[in-house]
Amino acid sequence: MEPAVARNPIRVVAAVMARDGRILIARRRRGDHQESKWEFPGGKIEPGETPEESLRRELREEFAIEAEVEALLGMRAHDYGDRVIELAAYWVRVGAGDFALRAHDEIAWARPEEMSRFDFAPADLFIVERLRNQGVRRA
């Protein structure tokens, strides 16, 4: 197998949305890569999109919400063996729309100290750790 650095990484964005000291997390559907794992909502960056455009599009598609992408929380690459993910996590403010569950089995609002109870996708664990260390950003 080729080393991870030789493969083209998949560029992905994730939204970190806060409400009342809790962060929105979502459980991946059966049949998806990392099925039944919890994650921070988002998805792949399409050719020609900026990370911010991609995140707004993904949130419209997955949850039927409009969102304002704010500051970058952090970036990390993760090698799953069959693919390398380059994940950029952004603080996001939710705008118009009611959450519709279109691409996940379940959503939850969790405090950083509660997140250890959820089985997260490995690529998202750096976000969990950062939230535990830095806390939830005030809106």
N, C-alpha and C. Protein backbone atom coordinates (compact mmCIF):
# COMPACT_ATOMS: atom_id res chain seq x y z
N MET A 1 0.85 -1.18 0.00
CA MET A 1 0.00 0.00 0.00
C MET A 1 0.89 1.24 0.00
N GLU A 2 0.45 2.27 -0.71
CA GLU A 2 1.20 3.53 -0.75
C GLU A 2 1.15 4.21 0.61
N PRO A 3 2.20 4.96 0.94
CA PRO A 3 2.11 5.74 2.17
C PRO A 3 1.03 6.81 2.04
N ALA A 4 0.46 7.21 3.17
CA ALA A 4 -0.65 8.16 3.19
C ALA A 4 -0.29 9.47 2.50
N VAL A 5 0.94 9.92 2.65
CA VAL A 5 1.31 11.21 2.07
C VAL A 5 1.30 11.18 0.55
N ALA A 6 1.40 10.01 -0.07
CA ALA A 6 1.43 9.91 -1.52
C ALA A 6 0.03 9.93 -2.13
N ARG A 7 -0.99 9.66 -1.35
CA ARG A 7 -2.37 9.65 -1.85
C ARG A 7 -2.95 11.06 -1.81
N ASN A 8 -3.89 11.31 -2.71
CA ASN A 8 -4.57 12.60 -2.70
C ASN A 8 -5.56 12.65 -1.55
N PRO A 9 -5.42 13.60 -0.66
CA PRO A 9 -6.35 13.70 0.46
C PRO A 9 -7.72 14.20 -0.01
N ILE A 10 -8.74 13.80 0.71
CA ILE A 10 -10.09 14.30 0.49
C ILE A 10 -10.27 15.50 1.40
N ARG A 11 -10.54 16.66 0.82
CA ARG A 11 -10.70 17.89 1.60
C ARG A 11 -12.14 17.97 2.11
N VAL A 12 -12.28 18.10 3.42
CA VAL A 12 -13.57 18.06 4.09
C VAL A 12 -13.67 19.23 5.07
N VAL A 13 -14.90 19.74 5.25
CA VAL A 13 -15.16 20.79 6.23
C VAL A 13 -16.17 20.30 7.25
N ALA A 14 -16.09 20.85 8.46
CA ALA A 14 -17.01 20.49 9.53
C ALA A 14 -17.48 21.76 10.23
N ALA A 15 -18.73 21.75 10.66
CA ALA A 15 -19.33 22.88 11.36
C ALA A 15 -19.37 22.61 12.86
N VAL A 16 -18.94 23.59 13.62
CA VAL A 16 -19.05 23.54 15.08
C VAL A 16 -20.05 24.63 15.44
N MET A 17 -21.28 24.19 15.77
CA MET A 17 -22.39 25.10 16.05
C MET A 17 -22.75 25.03 17.52
N ALA A 18 -22.75 26.16 18.19
CA ALA A 18 -23.02 26.21 19.63
C ALA A 18 -24.40 26.79 19.91
N ARG A 19 -25.03 26.23 20.95
CA ARG A 19 -26.31 26.75 21.46
C ARG A 19 -26.36 26.42 22.95
N ASP A 20 -26.48 27.47 23.76
CA ASP A 20 -26.60 27.29 25.21
C ASP A 20 -25.49 26.40 25.79
N GLY A 21 -24.26 26.60 25.33
CA GLY A 21 -23.13 25.85 25.85
C GLY A 21 -22.99 24.44 25.30
N ARG A 22 -23.84 24.08 24.36
CA ARG A 22 -23.81 22.75 23.76
C ARG A 22 -23.44 22.87 22.28
N ILE A 23 -22.89 21.79 21.74
CA ILE A 23 -22.45 21.74 20.34
C ILE A 23 -23.28 20.69 19.60
N LEU A 24 -23.70 21.02 18.38
CA LEU A 24 -24.45 20.07 17.56
C LEU A 24 -23.53 18.99 17.02
N ILE A 25 -23.93 17.74 17.22
CA ILE A 25 -23.23 16.59 16.64
C ILE A 25 -24.28 15.73 15.93
N ALA A 26 -23.83 14.93 14.98
CA ALA A 26 -24.76 14.11 14.19
C ALA A 26 -24.19 12.71 14.00
N ARG A 27 -25.08 11.71 13.99
CA ARG A 27 -24.65 10.32 13.80
C ARG A 27 -24.81 9.91 12.34
N ARG A 28 -23.74 9.37 11.78
CA ARG A 28 -23.73 8.95 10.37
C ARG A 28 -24.68 7.77 10.15
N ARG A 29 -25.30 7.76 8.99
CA ARG A 29 -26.25 6.68 8.64
C ARG A 29 -25.53 5.37 8.34
N ARG A 30 -26.26 4.28 8.49
CA ARG A 30 -25.76 2.96 8.09
C ARG A 30 -25.46 3.00 6.59
N GLY A 31 -24.38 2.34 6.21
CA GLY A 31 -23.99 2.30 4.81
C GLY A 31 -23.02 3.39 4.41
N ASP A 32 -22.92 4.44 5.22
CA ASP A 32 -21.95 5.52 4.97
C ASP A 32 -20.59 5.10 5.50
N HIS A 33 -19.53 5.73 4.97
CA HIS A 33 -18.18 5.54 5.54
C HIS A 33 -18.27 5.95 7.01
N GLN A 34 -17.69 5.16 7.89
CA GLN A 34 -17.74 5.41 9.34
C GLN A 34 -19.20 5.40 9.85
N GLU A 35 -19.98 4.45 9.35
CA GLU A 35 -21.40 4.37 9.71
C GLU A 35 -21.60 4.30 11.22
N SER A 36 -22.65 4.95 11.67
CA SER A 36 -23.07 5.00 13.08
C SER A 36 -22.10 5.76 13.99
N LYS A 37 -21.06 6.34 13.43
CA LYS A 37 -20.15 7.17 14.23
C LYS A 37 -20.73 8.58 14.30
N TRP A 38 -20.40 9.27 15.37
CA TRP A 38 -20.82 10.66 15.54
C TRP A 38 -19.79 11.57 14.89
N GLU A 39 -20.26 12.72 14.42
CA GLU A 39 -19.38 13.67 13.75
C GLU A 39 -19.92 15.09 13.91
N PHE A 40 -19.10 16.03 13.50
CA PHE A 40 -19.53 17.41 13.38
C PHE A 40 -19.99 17.56 11.94
N PRO A 41 -21.20 18.07 11.70
CA PRO A 41 -21.76 18.09 10.35
C PRO A 41 -20.88 18.83 9.35
N GLY A 42 -20.94 18.38 8.11
CA GLY A 42 -20.17 19.00 7.04
C GLY A 42 -20.08 18.06 5.87
N GLY A 43 -19.00 18.18 5.11
CA GLY A 43 -18.84 17.30 3.97
C GLY A 43 -17.67 17.70 3.10
N LYS A 44 -17.62 17.09 1.92
CA LYS A 44 -16.50 17.29 1.00
C LYS A 44 -16.57 18.66 0.33
N ILE A 45 -15.40 19.22 0.11
CA ILE A 45 -15.28 20.47 -0.65
C ILE A 45 -15.29 20.10 -2.13
N GLU A 46 -16.22 20.66 -2.87
CA GLU A 46 -16.33 20.40 -4.31
C GLU A 46 -15.34 21.28 -5.07
N PRO A 47 -14.91 20.84 -6.26
CA PRO A 47 -13.99 21.66 -7.06
C PRO A 47 -14.56 23.06 -7.30
N GLY A 48 -13.72 24.07 -7.12
CA GLY A 48 -14.13 25.45 -7.32
C GLY A 48 -14.77 26.11 -6.11
N GLU A 49 -15.03 25.36 -5.04
CA GLU A 49 -15.63 25.92 -3.83
C GLU A 49 -14.56 26.32 -2.83
N THR A 50 -14.84 27.37 -2.09
CA THR A 50 -14.01 27.67 -0.92
C THR A 50 -14.52 26.79 0.22
N PRO A 51 -13.74 26.61 1.27
CA PRO A 51 -14.25 25.85 2.41
C PRO A 51 -15.54 26.44 2.98
N GLU A 52 -15.62 27.77 3.04
CA GLU A 52 -16.81 28.42 3.58
C GLU A 52 -18.04 28.17 2.71
N GLU A 53 -17.87 28.25 1.39
CA GLU A 53 -18.99 27.97 0.47
C GLU A 53 -19.44 26.52 0.62
N SER A 54 -18.49 25.63 0.72
CA SER A 54 -18.80 24.22 0.87
C SER A 54 -19.59 23.96 2.14
N LEU A 55 -19.18 24.56 3.22
CA LEU A 55 -19.86 24.34 4.50
C LEU A 55 -21.29 24.88 4.46
N ARG A 56 -21.48 26.06 3.88
CA ARG A 56 -22.85 26.59 3.76
C ARG A 56 -23.71 25.65 2.90
N ARG A 57 -23.16 25.16 1.78
CA ARG A 57 -23.90 24.25 0.91
C ARG A 57 -24.25 22.95 1.64
N GLU A 58 -23.27 22.37 2.31
CA GLU A 58 -23.51 21.11 3.02
C GLU A 58 -24.59 21.26 4.10
N LEU A 59 -24.58 22.36 4.82
CA LEU A 59 -25.59 22.56 5.87
C LEU A 59 -26.98 22.77 5.28
N ARG A 60 -27.06 23.41 4.12
CA ARG A 60 -28.36 23.52 3.43
C ARG A 60 -28.84 22.14 3.00
N GLU A 61 -27.94 21.34 2.40
CA GLU A 61 -28.32 20.02 1.90
C GLU A 61 -28.66 19.05 3.03
N GLU A 62 -27.87 19.03 4.08
CA GLU A 62 -28.03 18.03 5.14
C GLU A 62 -29.06 18.40 6.19
N PHE A 63 -29.26 19.71 6.44
CA PHE A 63 -30.13 20.13 7.54
C PHE A 63 -31.16 21.18 7.17
N ALA A 64 -31.16 21.67 5.92
CA ALA A 64 -32.09 22.70 5.46
C ALA A 64 -31.97 23.98 6.28
N ILE A 65 -30.73 24.34 6.63
CA ILE A 65 -30.50 25.57 7.38
C ILE A 65 -29.54 26.48 6.62
N GLU A 66 -29.65 27.76 6.89
CA GLU A 66 -28.68 28.74 6.41
C GLU A 66 -27.72 29.00 7.57
N ALA A 67 -26.47 29.24 7.23
CA ALA A 67 -25.47 29.40 8.29
C ALA A 67 -24.43 30.42 7.88
N GLU A 68 -23.86 31.06 8.88
CA GLU A 68 -22.76 32.00 8.68
C GLU A 68 -21.48 31.34 9.20
N VAL A 69 -20.53 31.15 8.31
CA VAL A 69 -19.26 30.54 8.69
C VAL A 69 -18.39 31.62 9.31
N GLU A 70 -17.90 31.35 10.51
CA GLU A 70 -17.09 32.32 11.24
C GLU A 70 -15.63 31.89 11.23
N ALA A 71 -15.02 31.78 12.37
CA ALA A 71 -13.57 31.53 12.48
C ALA A 71 -13.22 30.05 12.32
N LEU A 72 -12.03 29.81 11.81
CA LEU A 72 -11.47 28.46 11.74
C LEU A 72 -11.12 28.00 13.15
N LEU A 73 -11.62 26.82 13.53
CA LEU A 73 -11.29 26.22 14.83
C LEU A 73 -9.99 25.43 14.74
N GLY A 74 -9.78 24.75 13.61
CA GLY A 74 -8.55 23.98 13.44
C GLY A 74 -8.62 23.08 12.22
N MET A 75 -7.46 22.56 11.85
CA MET A 75 -7.34 21.65 10.71
C MET A 75 -6.50 20.45 11.11
N ARG A 76 -6.81 19.31 10.51
CA ARG A 76 -6.05 18.10 10.81
C ARG A 76 -6.25 17.10 9.68
N ALA A 77 -5.22 16.34 9.39
CA ALA A 77 -5.33 15.23 8.43
C ALA A 77 -5.46 13.93 9.22
N HIS A 78 -6.25 13.00 8.68
CA HIS A 78 -6.39 11.69 9.32
C HIS A 78 -6.34 10.62 8.23
N ASP A 79 -5.53 9.59 8.46
CA ASP A 79 -5.37 8.49 7.53
C ASP A 79 -6.24 7.32 8.00
N TYR A 80 -7.27 7.00 7.22
CA TYR A 80 -8.15 5.88 7.53
C TYR A 80 -7.64 4.56 6.94
N GLY A 81 -6.50 4.61 6.25
CA GLY A 81 -5.98 3.42 5.61
C GLY A 81 -6.38 3.36 4.15
N ASP A 82 -7.69 3.45 3.88
CA ASP A 82 -8.16 3.45 2.49
C ASP A 82 -8.32 4.85 1.93
N ARG A 83 -8.21 5.86 2.78
CA ARG A 83 -8.34 7.25 2.35
C ARG A 83 -7.76 8.17 3.41
N VAL A 84 -7.32 9.33 2.95
CA VAL A 84 -6.82 10.36 3.87
C VAL A 84 -7.79 11.52 3.81
N ILE A 85 -8.23 11.96 4.98
CA ILE A 85 -9.15 13.09 5.10
C ILE A 85 -8.38 14.29 5.63
N GLU A 86 -8.50 15.42 4.97
CA GLU A 86 -8.00 16.70 5.49
C GLU A 86 -9.21 17.48 5.96
N LEU A 87 -9.38 17.58 7.26
CA LEU A 87 -10.58 18.17 7.85
C LEU A 87 -10.30 19.56 8.40
N ALA A 88 -11.10 20.53 7.97
CA ALA A 88 -11.04 21.89 8.50
C ALA A 88 -12.34 22.15 9.24
N ALA A 89 -12.25 22.48 10.53
CA ALA A 89 -13.43 22.73 11.36
C ALA A 89 -13.59 24.23 11.58
N TYR A 90 -14.81 24.71 11.41
CA TYR A 90 -15.12 26.14 11.54
C TYR A 90 -16.23 26.34 12.56
N TRP A 91 -16.12 27.43 13.31
CA TRP A 91 -17.24 27.88 14.12
C TRP A 91 -18.30 28.40 13.15
N VAL A 92 -19.55 28.03 13.37
CA VAL A 92 -20.64 28.40 12.48
C VAL A 92 -21.80 28.93 13.32
N ARG A 93 -22.40 30.01 12.84
CA ARG A 93 -23.60 30.56 13.48
C ARG A 93 -24.80 30.16 12.62
N VAL A 94 -25.80 29.55 13.25
CA VAL A 94 -26.99 29.10 12.53
C VAL A 94 -27.87 30.30 12.25
N GLY A 95 -28.36 30.37 11.00
CA GLY A 95 -29.27 31.44 10.60
C GLY A 95 -30.67 30.89 10.46
N ALA A 96 -31.27 31.12 9.29
CA ALA A 96 -32.65 30.74 9.05
C ALA A 96 -32.79 29.23 8.82
N GLY A 97 -34.00 28.75 9.14
CA GLY A 97 -34.33 27.35 8.87
C GLY A 97 -34.47 26.53 10.13
N ASP A 98 -35.29 25.49 10.04
CA ASP A 98 -35.44 24.52 11.12
C ASP A 98 -34.64 23.29 10.71
N PHE A 99 -34.01 22.66 11.67
CA PHE A 99 -33.17 21.50 11.36
C PHE A 99 -34.02 20.36 10.80
N ALA A 100 -33.67 19.90 9.61
CA ALA A 100 -34.28 18.72 9.00
C ALA A 100 -33.20 17.65 8.94
N LEU A 101 -33.55 16.44 9.30
CA LEU A 101 -32.58 15.34 9.32
C LEU A 101 -32.58 14.65 7.96
N ARG A 102 -31.64 15.03 7.08
CA ARG A 102 -31.61 14.51 5.71
C ARG A 102 -30.47 13.53 5.46
N ALA A 103 -29.37 13.65 6.18
CA ALA A 103 -28.18 12.85 5.86
C ALA A 103 -27.61 12.11 7.08
N HIS A 104 -28.33 12.13 8.19
CA HIS A 104 -27.87 11.49 9.42
C HIS A 104 -29.02 10.74 10.07
N ASP A 105 -28.69 9.81 10.95
CA ASP A 105 -29.71 9.06 11.70
C ASP A 105 -30.26 9.86 12.87
N GLU A 106 -29.40 10.67 13.47
CA GLU A 106 -29.76 11.34 14.73
C GLU A 106 -28.86 12.55 14.93
N ILE A 107 -29.38 13.55 15.65
CA ILE A 107 -28.55 14.66 16.08
C ILE A 107 -28.66 14.79 17.59
N ALA A 108 -27.68 15.44 18.19
CA ALA A 108 -27.69 15.70 19.63
C ALA A 108 -26.95 17.01 19.87
N TRP A 109 -27.31 17.67 20.95
CA TRP A 109 -26.59 18.86 21.42
C TRP A 109 -25.85 18.43 22.68
N ALA A 110 -24.53 18.50 22.65
CA ALA A 110 -23.72 17.98 23.77
C ALA A 110 -22.71 19.01 24.23
N ARG A 111 -22.48 19.04 25.53
CA ARG A 111 -21.41 19.86 26.10
C ARG A 111 -20.08 19.15 25.84
N PRO A 112 -18.99 19.89 25.71
CA PRO A 112 -17.70 19.24 25.47
C PRO A 112 -17.37 18.13 26.47
N GLU A 113 -17.70 18.33 27.74
CA GLU A 113 -17.38 17.31 28.75
C GLU A 113 -18.26 16.07 28.63
N GLU A 114 -19.35 16.13 27.86
CA GLU A 114 -20.23 14.98 27.64
C GLU A 114 -19.85 14.17 26.40
N MET A 115 -18.98 14.71 25.57
CA MET A 115 -18.70 14.10 24.26
C MET A 115 -18.00 12.76 24.34
N SER A 116 -17.38 12.43 25.46
CA SER A 116 -16.72 11.12 25.59
C SER A 116 -17.74 9.98 25.57
N ARG A 117 -19.01 10.27 25.80
CA ARG A 117 -20.06 9.25 25.76
C ARG A 117 -20.45 8.85 24.34
N PHE A 118 -20.00 9.64 23.35
CA PHE A 118 -20.35 9.40 21.95
C PHE A 118 -19.17 8.77 21.22
N ASP A 119 -19.47 7.86 20.30
CA ASP A 119 -18.45 7.18 19.50
C ASP A 119 -18.19 8.00 18.23
N PHE A 120 -17.18 8.87 18.28
CA PHE A 120 -16.89 9.78 17.18
C PHE A 120 -16.04 9.12 16.10
N ALA A 121 -16.23 9.59 14.86
CA ALA A 121 -15.34 9.22 13.76
C ALA A 121 -13.94 9.69 14.14
N PRO A 122 -12.91 8.88 13.91
CA PRO A 122 -11.56 9.25 14.34
C PRO A 122 -11.08 10.61 13.83
N ALA A 123 -11.44 10.98 12.61
CA ALA A 123 -10.99 12.28 12.07
C ALA A 123 -11.53 13.45 12.87
N ASP A 124 -12.67 13.27 13.57
CA ASP A 124 -13.30 14.35 14.32
C ASP A 124 -12.79 14.47 15.75
N LEU A 125 -12.00 13.53 16.21
CA LEU A 125 -11.57 13.53 17.62
C LEU A 125 -10.74 14.76 18.00
N PHE A 126 -9.99 15.32 17.05
CA PHE A 126 -9.21 16.51 17.40
C PHE A 126 -10.13 17.68 17.74
N ILE A 127 -11.32 17.73 17.12
CA ILE A 127 -12.28 18.80 17.42
C ILE A 127 -12.81 18.62 18.84
N VAL A 128 -13.16 17.39 19.19
CA VAL A 128 -13.63 17.09 20.55
C VAL A 128 -12.58 17.54 21.57
N GLU A 129 -11.33 17.18 21.33
CA GLU A 129 -10.25 17.54 22.26
C GLU A 129 -10.08 19.05 22.36
N ARG A 130 -10.14 19.71 21.22
CA ARG A 130 -9.99 21.17 21.23
C ARG A 130 -11.13 21.83 22.01
N LEU A 131 -12.35 21.33 21.84
CA LEU A 131 -13.49 21.89 22.58
C LEU A 131 -13.35 21.64 24.08
N ARG A 132 -12.86 20.48 24.45
CA ARG A 132 -12.63 20.20 25.88
C ARG A 132 -11.61 21.16 26.47
N ASN A 133 -10.56 21.46 25.70
CA ASN A 133 -9.49 22.34 26.18
C ASN A 133 -9.85 23.82 26.14
N GLN A 134 -10.58 24.24 25.09
CA GLN A 134 -10.86 25.66 24.90
C GLN A 134 -12.26 26.07 25.31
N GLY A 135 -13.17 25.11 25.43
CA GLY A 135 -14.54 25.44 25.77
C GLY A 135 -15.34 25.86 24.55
N VAL A 136 -16.59 26.21 24.81
CA VAL A 136 -17.52 26.60 23.76
C VAL A 136 -17.43 28.10 23.55
N ARG A 137 -17.30 28.49 22.32
CA ARG A 137 -17.21 29.90 21.96
C ARG A 137 -18.55 30.57 22.22
N ARG A 138 -18.50 31.77 22.73
CA ARG A 138 -19.72 32.54 22.99
C ARG A 138 -20.19 33.20 21.70
N ALA A 139 -21.49 33.15 21.47
CA ALA A 139 -22.06 33.76 20.25
C ALA A 139 -22.08 35.27 20.35
